[in-house]
């Protein structure tokens, strides 16, 4: 399979669209901050093992989603191509930037072990509000992930590969939930993209190599 570009890329895209959002949904379930104190310096300290597990799950979910975006962009080769290119670029940059921020989790846990919650939060805020951190990792890059993936699934819908409900569920799950306080309700929201993206990934796995290869442009004829 590694020697076959069609088979490998199709299967990789399908599997990642199933696995990546599922890992994120599992992460929010095991996250101590979902069910405990909303101050992560406290909730992480209450169960450091789950806190580290949650961080790893988020990290790999977002890294794999960045790769899966290339598979979705492939489906926009014949229609909604411009939107597919822009949205895929936003998705890749957004998810990679968001994943980098997860390194603050062990820092927050360590601060919570050595300082009162208020002091731990003050130190963390001082670190995260450095201009280099904000411009290099936070703004506006993390919003590229929130907006890019719904736009990318909308492009795939416009290309005719999925129904309208796929981008709608991704939009509701990741955008509408953004202003909602992180907690048990987030679990409900983030299950919706698991359904939409998982169904898309399953459809890619079932479509076969010939249908996947049909999205590649036909080779140009060389005149004698």
C-alpha atoms as a PDB file:
ATOM      1  CA  UNK A   1       0.000   0.000   0.000  1.00  0.00           C
ATOM      2  CA  UNK A   2       2.890   2.376   0.711  1.00  0.00           C
ATOM      3  CA  UNK A   3       3.930   2.102  -2.943  1.00  0.00           C
ATOM      4  CA  UNK A   4       0.453   2.986  -4.233  1.00  0.00           C
ATOM      5  CA  UNK A   5      -0.230   6.712  -3.991  1.00  0.00           C
ATOM      6  CA  UNK A   6      -3.953   6.337  -4.648  1.00  0.00           C
ATOM      7  CA  UNK A   7      -4.640   3.617  -2.096  1.00  0.00           C
ATOM      8  CA  UNK A   8      -2.415   5.076   0.605  1.00  0.00           C
ATOM      9  CA  UNK A   9      -3.761   8.637   0.379  1.00  0.00           C
ATOM     10  CA  UNK A  10      -7.368   7.504   0.210  1.00  0.00           C
ATOM     11  CA  UNK A  11      -7.104   5.194   3.194  1.00  0.00           C
ATOM     12  CA  UNK A  12      -5.040   7.712   5.179  1.00  0.00           C
ATOM     13  CA  UNK A  13      -7.613  10.449   4.554  1.00  0.00           C
ATOM     14  CA  UNK A  14     -10.524   8.209   5.492  1.00  0.00           C
ATOM     15  CA  UNK A  15      -8.949   6.835   8.655  1.00  0.00           C
ATOM     16  CA  UNK A  16      -7.742  10.222   9.889  1.00  0.00           C
ATOM     17  CA  UNK A  17     -11.179  11.787   9.442  1.00  0.00           C
ATOM     18  CA  UNK A  18     -12.524   9.092  11.748  1.00  0.00           C
ATOM     19  CA  UNK A  19      -9.694   9.063  14.283  1.00  0.00           C
ATOM     20  CA  UNK A  20      -8.855  12.775  14.657  1.00  0.00           C
ATOM     21  CA  UNK A  21     -12.266  14.089  15.810  1.00  0.00           C
ATOM     22  CA  UNK A  22     -12.779  10.949  17.911  1.00  0.00           C
ATOM     23  CA  UNK A  23      -9.550  11.591  19.825  1.00  0.00           C
ATOM     24  CA  UNK A  24     -10.710  15.130  20.554  1.00  0.00           C
ATOM     25  CA  UNK A  25     -14.060  13.869  21.844  1.00  0.00           C
ATOM     26  CA  UNK A  26     -12.310  11.349  24.088  1.00  0.00           C
ATOM     27  CA  UNK A  27      -9.958  14.082  25.328  1.00  0.00           C
ATOM     28  CA  UNK A  28     -12.788  16.305  26.514  1.00  0.00           C
ATOM     29  CA  UNK A  29     -14.361  13.342  28.323  1.00  0.00           C
ATOM     30  CA  UNK A  30     -11.188  12.399  30.254  1.00  0.00           C
ATOM     31  CA  UNK A  31     -10.171  16.023  30.881  1.00  0.00           C
ATOM     32  CA  UNK A  32     -10.388  16.709  34.650  1.00  0.00           C
ATOM     33  CA  UNK A  33     -11.212  20.324  33.804  1.00  0.00           C
ATOM     34  CA  UNK A  34     -14.415  19.261  32.041  1.00  0.00           C
ATOM     35  CA  UNK A  35     -16.000  17.914  35.226  1.00  0.00           C
ATOM     36  CA  UNK A  36     -14.014  19.561  38.017  1.00  0.00           C
ATOM     37  CA  UNK A  37     -12.802  23.004  38.973  1.00  0.00           C
ATOM     38  CA  UNK A  38     -12.762  25.352  35.977  1.00  0.00           C
ATOM     39  CA  UNK A  39      -9.362  26.565  37.176  1.00  0.00           C
ATOM     40  CA  UNK A  40      -7.087  24.102  35.420  1.00  0.00           C
ATOM     41  CA  UNK A  41      -4.274  24.677  37.896  1.00  0.00           C
ATOM     42  CA  UNK A  42      -6.619  23.041  40.437  1.00  0.00           C
ATOM     43  CA  UNK A  43      -8.359  20.375  38.338  1.00  0.00           C
ATOM     44  CA  UNK A  44      -5.124  19.224  36.723  1.00  0.00           C
ATOM     45  CA  UNK A  45      -3.521  18.891  40.128  1.00  0.00           C
ATOM     46  CA  UNK A  46      -6.403  16.743  41.339  1.00  0.00           C
ATOM     47  CA  UNK A  47      -5.700  14.135  38.656  1.00  0.00           C
ATOM     48  CA  UNK A  48      -2.357  14.731  36.888  1.00  0.00           C
ATOM     49  CA  UNK A  49      -2.457  11.383  35.072  1.00  0.00           C
ATOM     50  CA  UNK A  50      -5.741  12.204  33.320  1.00  0.00           C
ATOM     51  CA  UNK A  51      -4.508  15.744  32.667  1.00  0.00           C
ATOM     52  CA  UNK A  52      -1.461  14.415  30.816  1.00  0.00           C
ATOM     53  CA  UNK A  53      -3.592  11.909  28.925  1.00  0.00           C
ATOM     54  CA  UNK A  54      -5.994  14.642  27.864  1.00  0.00           C
ATOM     55  CA  UNK A  55      -3.149  16.838  26.609  1.00  0.00           C
ATOM     56  CA  UNK A  56      -1.674  14.003  24.534  1.00  0.00           C
ATOM     57  CA  UNK A  57      -5.075  13.162  23.042  1.00  0.00           C
ATOM     58  CA  UNK A  58      -5.714  16.776  22.062  1.00  0.00           C
ATOM     59  CA  UNK A  59      -2.226  17.077  20.610  1.00  0.00           C
ATOM     60  CA  UNK A  60      -2.563  14.058  18.337  1.00  0.00           C
ATOM     61  CA  UNK A  61      -6.146  14.893  17.421  1.00  0.00           C
ATOM     62  CA  UNK A  62      -5.159  18.319  16.151  1.00  0.00           C
ATOM     63  CA  UNK A  63      -1.964  17.154  14.458  1.00  0.00           C
ATOM     64  CA  UNK A  64      -3.857  14.418  12.613  1.00  0.00           C
ATOM     65  CA  UNK A  65      -6.687  16.788  11.682  1.00  0.00           C
ATOM     66  CA  UNK A  66      -4.149  19.034   9.977  1.00  0.00           C
ATOM     67  CA  UNK A  67      -3.062  16.076   7.838  1.00  0.00           C
ATOM     68  CA  UNK A  68      -6.667  15.005   7.178  1.00  0.00           C
ATOM     69  CA  UNK A  69      -7.364  18.451   5.731  1.00  0.00           C
ATOM     70  CA  UNK A  70      -5.278  17.529   2.687  1.00  0.00           C
ATOM     71  CA  UNK A  71      -7.611  14.598   2.044  1.00  0.00           C
ATOM     72  CA  UNK A  72     -10.662  16.855   2.197  1.00  0.00           C
ATOM     73  CA  UNK A  73      -8.986  19.350  -0.126  1.00  0.00           C
ATOM     74  CA  UNK A  74      -8.467  16.550  -2.655  1.00  0.00           C
ATOM     75  CA  UNK A  75     -12.248  16.261  -2.973  1.00  0.00           C
ATOM     76  CA  UNK A  76     -12.459  19.896  -4.142  1.00  0.00           C
ATOM     77  CA  UNK A  77     -10.230  19.459  -7.197  1.00  0.00           C
ATOM     78  CA  UNK A  78     -13.163  19.693  -9.637  1.00  0.00           C
ATOM     79  CA  UNK A  79     -15.481  22.144  -7.863  1.00  0.00           C
ATOM     80  CA  UNK A  80     -15.214  24.745  -5.057  1.00  0.00           C
ATOM     81  CA  UNK A  81     -11.466  24.560  -5.628  1.00  0.00           C
ATOM     82  CA  UNK A  82     -10.624  28.092  -4.484  1.00  0.00           C
ATOM     83  CA  UNK A  83     -12.625  27.725  -1.304  1.00  0.00           C
ATOM     84  CA  UNK A  84     -11.031  24.334  -0.753  1.00  0.00           C
ATOM     85  CA  UNK A  85      -7.508  25.738  -1.076  1.00  0.00           C
ATOM     86  CA  UNK A  86      -8.106  28.674   1.268  1.00  0.00           C
ATOM     87  CA  UNK A  87     -10.020  26.656   3.849  1.00  0.00           C
ATOM     88  CA  UNK A  88      -7.505  23.800   3.815  1.00  0.00           C
ATOM     89  CA  UNK A  89      -4.646  26.238   4.372  1.00  0.00           C
ATOM     90  CA  UNK A  90      -6.512  27.814   7.283  1.00  0.00           C
ATOM     91  CA  UNK A  91      -7.263  24.405   8.758  1.00  0.00           C
ATOM     92  CA  UNK A  92      -3.690  23.143   8.587  1.00  0.00           C
ATOM     93  CA  UNK A  93      -2.151  26.306  10.062  1.00  0.00           C
ATOM     94  CA  UNK A  94      -4.884  26.618  12.678  1.00  0.00           C
ATOM     95  CA  UNK A  95      -4.673  23.083  14.019  1.00  0.00           C
ATOM     96  CA  UNK A  96      -0.879  23.018  14.114  1.00  0.00           C
ATOM     97  CA  UNK A  97      -0.814  26.340  15.978  1.00  0.00           C
ATOM     98  CA  UNK A  98      -3.474  25.190  18.432  1.00  0.00           C
ATOM     99  CA  UNK A  99      -1.579  21.978  19.111  1.00  0.00           C
ATOM    100  CA  UNK A 100       1.530  23.955  20.034  1.00  0.00           C
ATOM    101  CA  UNK A 101      -0.400  25.683  22.835  1.00  0.00           C
ATOM    102  CA  UNK A 102      -0.866  22.348  24.617  1.00  0.00           C
ATOM    103  CA  UNK A 103       2.633  22.686  26.034  1.00  0.00           C
ATOM    104  CA  UNK A 104       1.119  25.127  28.522  1.00  0.00           C
ATOM    105  CA  UNK A 105      -0.821  22.254  30.161  1.00  0.00           C
ATOM    106  CA  UNK A 106       2.127  20.722  32.065  1.00  0.00           C
ATOM    107  CA  UNK A 107       3.273  24.227  32.941  1.00  0.00           C
ATOM    108  CA  UNK A 108      -0.139  24.994  34.395  1.00  0.00           C
ATOM    109  CA  UNK A 109      -0.133  21.708  36.313  1.00  0.00           C
ATOM    110  CA  UNK A 110       3.332  22.448  37.745  1.00  0.00           C
ATOM    111  CA  UNK A 111       2.313  25.964  38.759  1.00  0.00           C
ATOM    112  CA  UNK A 112      -0.774  24.577  40.470  1.00  0.00           C
ATOM    113  CA  UNK A 113       1.428  22.207  42.483  1.00  0.00           C
ATOM    114  CA  UNK A 114       3.710  24.994  43.714  1.00  0.00           C
ATOM    115  CA  UNK A 115       1.459  28.061  43.999  1.00  0.00           C
ATOM    116  CA  UNK A 116      -2.065  28.960  45.127  1.00  0.00           C
ATOM    117  CA  UNK A 117      -4.594  28.895  42.241  1.00  0.00           C
ATOM    118  CA  UNK A 118      -4.777  32.675  41.900  1.00  0.00           C
ATOM    119  CA  UNK A 119      -1.000  33.048  41.808  1.00  0.00           C
ATOM    120  CA  UNK A 120      -0.638  30.152  39.381  1.00  0.00           C
ATOM    121  CA  UNK A 121      -3.166  31.778  37.028  1.00  0.00           C
ATOM    122  CA  UNK A 122      -1.421  35.152  37.313  1.00  0.00           C
ATOM    123  CA  UNK A 123       1.948  33.667  36.359  1.00  0.00           C
ATOM    124  CA  UNK A 124       0.438  31.709  33.475  1.00  0.00           C
ATOM    125  CA  UNK A 125      -1.371  34.775  32.141  1.00  0.00           C
ATOM    126  CA  UNK A 126       1.851  36.767  32.307  1.00  0.00           C
ATOM    127  CA  UNK A 127       3.605  34.070  30.262  1.00  0.00           C
ATOM    128  CA  UNK A 128       0.853  33.697  27.675  1.00  0.00           C
ATOM    129  CA  UNK A 129       0.410  37.440  27.228  1.00  0.00           C
ATOM    130  CA  UNK A 130       3.936  37.896  25.930  1.00  0.00           C
ATOM    131  CA  UNK A 131       3.774  39.472  22.428  1.00  0.00           C
ATOM    132  CA  UNK A 132       5.782  36.663  20.878  1.00  0.00           C
ATOM    133  CA  UNK A 133       3.382  34.054  22.243  1.00  0.00           C
ATOM    134  CA  UNK A 134       0.296  35.952  21.144  1.00  0.00           C
ATOM    135  CA  UNK A 135       1.492  36.781  17.635  1.00  0.00           C
ATOM    136  CA  UNK A 136       3.437  33.572  17.038  1.00  0.00           C
ATOM    137  CA  UNK A 137       1.005  31.017  18.407  1.00  0.00           C
ATOM    138  CA  UNK A 138      -2.378  32.489  19.324  1.00  0.00           C
ATOM    139  CA  UNK A 139      -3.813  35.307  17.238  1.00  0.00           C
ATOM    140  CA  UNK A 140      -5.284  34.908  14.725  1.00  0.00           C
ATOM    141  CA  UNK A 141      -3.966  31.421  14.066  1.00  0.00           C
ATOM    142  CA  UNK A 142      -6.055  29.400  16.517  1.00  0.00           C
ATOM    143  CA  UNK A 143      -9.214  30.858  14.959  1.00  0.00           C
ATOM    144  CA  UNK A 144      -8.102  29.463  11.605  1.00  0.00           C
ATOM    145  CA  UNK A 145      -8.836  26.001  13.001  1.00  0.00           C
ATOM    146  CA  UNK A 146     -12.261  26.999  14.353  1.00  0.00           C
ATOM    147  CA  UNK A 147     -13.331  28.584  11.058  1.00  0.00           C
ATOM    148  CA  UNK A 148     -11.216  26.687   8.534  1.00  0.00           C
ATOM    149  CA  UNK A 149     -12.605  23.194   9.071  1.00  0.00           C
ATOM    150  CA  UNK A 150     -16.292  24.206   8.716  1.00  0.00           C
ATOM    151  CA  UNK A 151     -15.371  26.130   5.557  1.00  0.00           C
ATOM    152  CA  UNK A 152     -13.441  23.151   4.220  1.00  0.00           C
ATOM    153  CA  UNK A 153     -16.353  20.770   4.794  1.00  0.00           C
ATOM    154  CA  UNK A 154     -18.614  23.358   3.142  1.00  0.00           C
ATOM    155  CA  UNK A 155     -16.321  23.243   0.101  1.00  0.00           C
ATOM    156  CA  UNK A 156     -16.565  19.441   0.081  1.00  0.00           C
ATOM    157  CA  UNK A 157     -20.349  19.802   0.221  1.00  0.00           C
ATOM    158  CA  UNK A 158     -20.277  22.302  -2.667  1.00  0.00           C
ATOM    159  CA  UNK A 159     -18.161  19.795  -4.580  1.00  0.00           C
ATOM    160  CA  UNK A 160     -21.011  17.309  -4.194  1.00  0.00           C
ATOM    161  CA  UNK A 161     -19.268  14.694  -2.077  1.00  0.00           C
ATOM    162  CA  UNK A 162     -21.275  15.098   1.146  1.00  0.00           C
ATOM    163  CA  UNK A 163     -24.675  16.419   2.151  1.00  0.00           C
ATOM    164  CA  UNK A 164     -25.364  19.817   3.692  1.00  0.00           C
ATOM    165  CA  UNK A 165     -25.651  18.315   7.154  1.00  0.00           C
ATOM    166  CA  UNK A 166     -21.911  17.534   7.315  1.00  0.00           C
ATOM    167  CA  UNK A 167     -20.675  21.157   7.345  1.00  0.00           C
ATOM    168  CA  UNK A 168     -23.666  22.074   9.532  1.00  0.00           C
ATOM    169  CA  UNK A 169     -22.702  19.594  12.257  1.00  0.00           C
ATOM    170  CA  UNK A 170     -19.063  20.687  12.096  1.00  0.00           C
ATOM    171  CA  UNK A 171     -20.158  24.321  12.331  1.00  0.00           C
ATOM    172  CA  UNK A 172     -22.412  23.715  15.320  1.00  0.00           C
ATOM    173  CA  UNK A 173     -19.898  21.460  17.036  1.00  0.00           C
ATOM    174  CA  UNK A 174     -16.832  23.656  16.743  1.00  0.00           C
ATOM    175  CA  UNK A 175     -18.046  27.220  16.099  1.00  0.00           C
ATOM    176  CA  UNK A 176     -21.345  27.513  17.969  1.00  0.00           C
ATOM    177  CA  UNK A 177     -19.744  25.803  20.965  1.00  0.00           C
ATOM    178  CA  UNK A 178     -16.825  28.253  21.042  1.00  0.00           C
ATOM    179  CA  UNK A 179     -18.480  30.874  23.297  1.00  0.00           C
ATOM    180  CA  UNK A 180     -19.971  28.166  25.550  1.00  0.00           C
ATOM    181  CA  UNK A 181     -17.975  27.685  28.796  1.00  0.00           C
ATOM    182  CA  UNK A 182     -15.746  24.620  28.596  1.00  0.00           C
ATOM    183  CA  UNK A 183     -17.463  21.836  30.494  1.00  0.00           C
ATOM    184  CA  UNK A 184     -19.933  18.943  30.197  1.00  0.00           C
ATOM    185  CA  UNK A 185     -21.901  20.718  27.453  1.00  0.00           C
ATOM    186  CA  UNK A 186     -18.731  20.752  25.340  1.00  0.00           C
ATOM    187  CA  UNK A 187     -18.856  16.955  25.219  1.00  0.00           C
ATOM    188  CA  UNK A 188     -22.265  17.121  23.519  1.00  0.00           C
ATOM    189  CA  UNK A 189     -21.100  19.708  20.998  1.00  0.00           C
ATOM    190  CA  UNK A 190     -17.893  17.885  20.073  1.00  0.00           C
ATOM    191  CA  UNK A 191     -19.648  14.598  19.408  1.00  0.00           C
ATOM    192  CA  UNK A 192     -21.424  16.195  16.429  1.00  0.00           C
ATOM    193  CA  UNK A 193     -18.253  16.578  14.284  1.00  0.00           C
ATOM    194  CA  UNK A 194     -17.313  12.990  15.168  1.00  0.00           C
ATOM    195  CA  UNK A 195     -20.489  11.890  13.406  1.00  0.00           C
ATOM    196  CA  UNK A 196     -20.080  14.221  10.407  1.00  0.00           C
ATOM    197  CA  UNK A 197     -16.363  13.735   9.797  1.00  0.00           C
ATOM    198  CA  UNK A 198     -16.476  10.039  10.678  1.00  0.00           C
ATOM    199  CA  UNK A 199     -19.214   9.480   8.111  1.00  0.00           C
ATOM    200  CA  UNK A 200     -17.157  11.398   5.528  1.00  0.00           C
ATOM    201  CA  UNK A 201     -14.106   9.287   6.319  1.00  0.00           C
ATOM    202  CA  UNK A 202     -16.124   6.094   6.029  1.00  0.00           C
ATOM    203  CA  UNK A 203     -17.442   7.213   2.641  1.00  0.00           C
ATOM    204  CA  UNK A 204     -13.874   7.818   1.459  1.00  0.00           C
ATOM    205  CA  UNK A 205     -12.847   4.339   2.588  1.00  0.00           C
ATOM    206  CA  UNK A 206     -15.751   2.803   0.690  1.00  0.00           C
ATOM    207  CA  UNK A 207     -15.404   4.812  -2.521  1.00  0.00           C
ATOM    208  CA  UNK A 208     -12.566   2.740  -3.951  1.00  0.00           C
ATOM    209  CA  UNK A 209      -9.321   3.714  -5.640  1.00  0.00           C
ATOM    210  CA  UNK A 210     -10.843   4.371  -9.035  1.00  0.00           C
ATOM    211  CA  UNK A 211     -13.296   6.952  -7.698  1.00  0.00           C
ATOM    212  CA  UNK A 212     -10.554   8.632  -5.643  1.00  0.00           C
ATOM    213  CA  UNK A 213      -8.181   8.744  -8.603  1.00  0.00           C
ATOM    214  CA  UNK A 214     -10.917  10.297 -10.757  1.00  0.00           C
ATOM    215  CA  UNK A 215     -10.362  13.558  -8.851  1.00  0.00           C
ATOM    216  CA  UNK A 216      -6.833  13.820 -10.222  1.00  0.00           C
ATOM    217  CA  UNK A 217      -6.562  15.972 -13.366  1.00  0.00           C
ATOM    218  CA  UNK A 218      -6.252  14.070 -16.618  1.00  0.00           C
ATOM    219  CA  UNK A 219      -2.725  14.175 -18.092  1.00  0.00           C
ATOM    220  CA  UNK A 220      -2.304  16.800 -20.763  1.00  0.00           C
ATOM    221  CA  UNK A 221      -1.909  15.514 -24.307  1.00  0.00           C
ATOM    222  CA  UNK A 222       1.502  16.170 -25.792  1.00  0.00           C
ATOM    223  CA  UNK A 223       1.387  17.178 -29.429  1.00  0.00           C
ATOM    224  CA  UNK A 224       3.898  15.624 -31.758  1.00  0.00           C
END
